[in-house]
Amino acid sequence: MGMAEPVQEWPDARRKEALRAERTESYVSTQGRLTTPQMATHGQAPRVAACVYIGVGSNLGDRMSHCLAAVDALDRLDRTRLVAVSPWYETEPVGAAAPGDFLNGVVGLETDLEPRALLEACLAIERERGRARAAREGPRTLDLDLLLYDDRVVDEPGLTVPHPRMAERAFVLLPLADIAPRAVHPVLGCTVAVLRSRLSDRHAVRLYQSSWSSAV
């Protein structure tokens, strides 16, 4: 497996930065994180944006096109800012037989959306790319998984955070460790780097695109 390069900037960075500035002009930076003062009510402090990591995967059609479209759609979400994109990895399907290897990566966001609202936004992005949830395992045009949401632990119908199987999946931990090795799993109490070091089998995951922007 090749060495993963540091996270790369989106192509046409000036255009993206202009769009981002227009969309987030009311945001201010506080100790490296975002606050949204327009959402504070009288007597309350501004809300601090959460640090979130979302797994991105595809094994149907133009996999890279689906994945990059998802990155762009996540960056365009209301009250959300794209902060990191991992290298891309190619992964043999897990579980039930599914034709075609997956392309997998992880996106880092800062967002003021609550976990449930972010999940609904991810499901809408999947639908826009033709995702059909006919079976739990199987081929899909796009798969978006909410992996970590700050140090929050959520257990609700249809929503579990941290993702319940992330600690055993190389195709999650390898790209996540590329961009957030010191992120802590709030249930297991250890960092992503430690979880990656415990993986017993990585052979099914191989580096596909270390510089994700060059794949556009």
Foldseek 3Di string as FASTA:
>chain_A
DDDFDAFAAAPPNVVVVVVLCVQPVQWDDDPNWIWRVVPDDPPGDTDTWWKWKKKKKAFDDPTLVLRVLLLVLQCPDHQKHWDGKFFWKWFCFPDDDAPGTMIMIMTIMTGPDDPVVVVVSSVVSQVVQPFDPPDPGYHGGMDMGTQATQLDADDDVPDGPNPPCQLADLSNLVRCCSHFQQRAHNVVGGGSVVSNVPHPDDVRMDGDGSHSNVVD
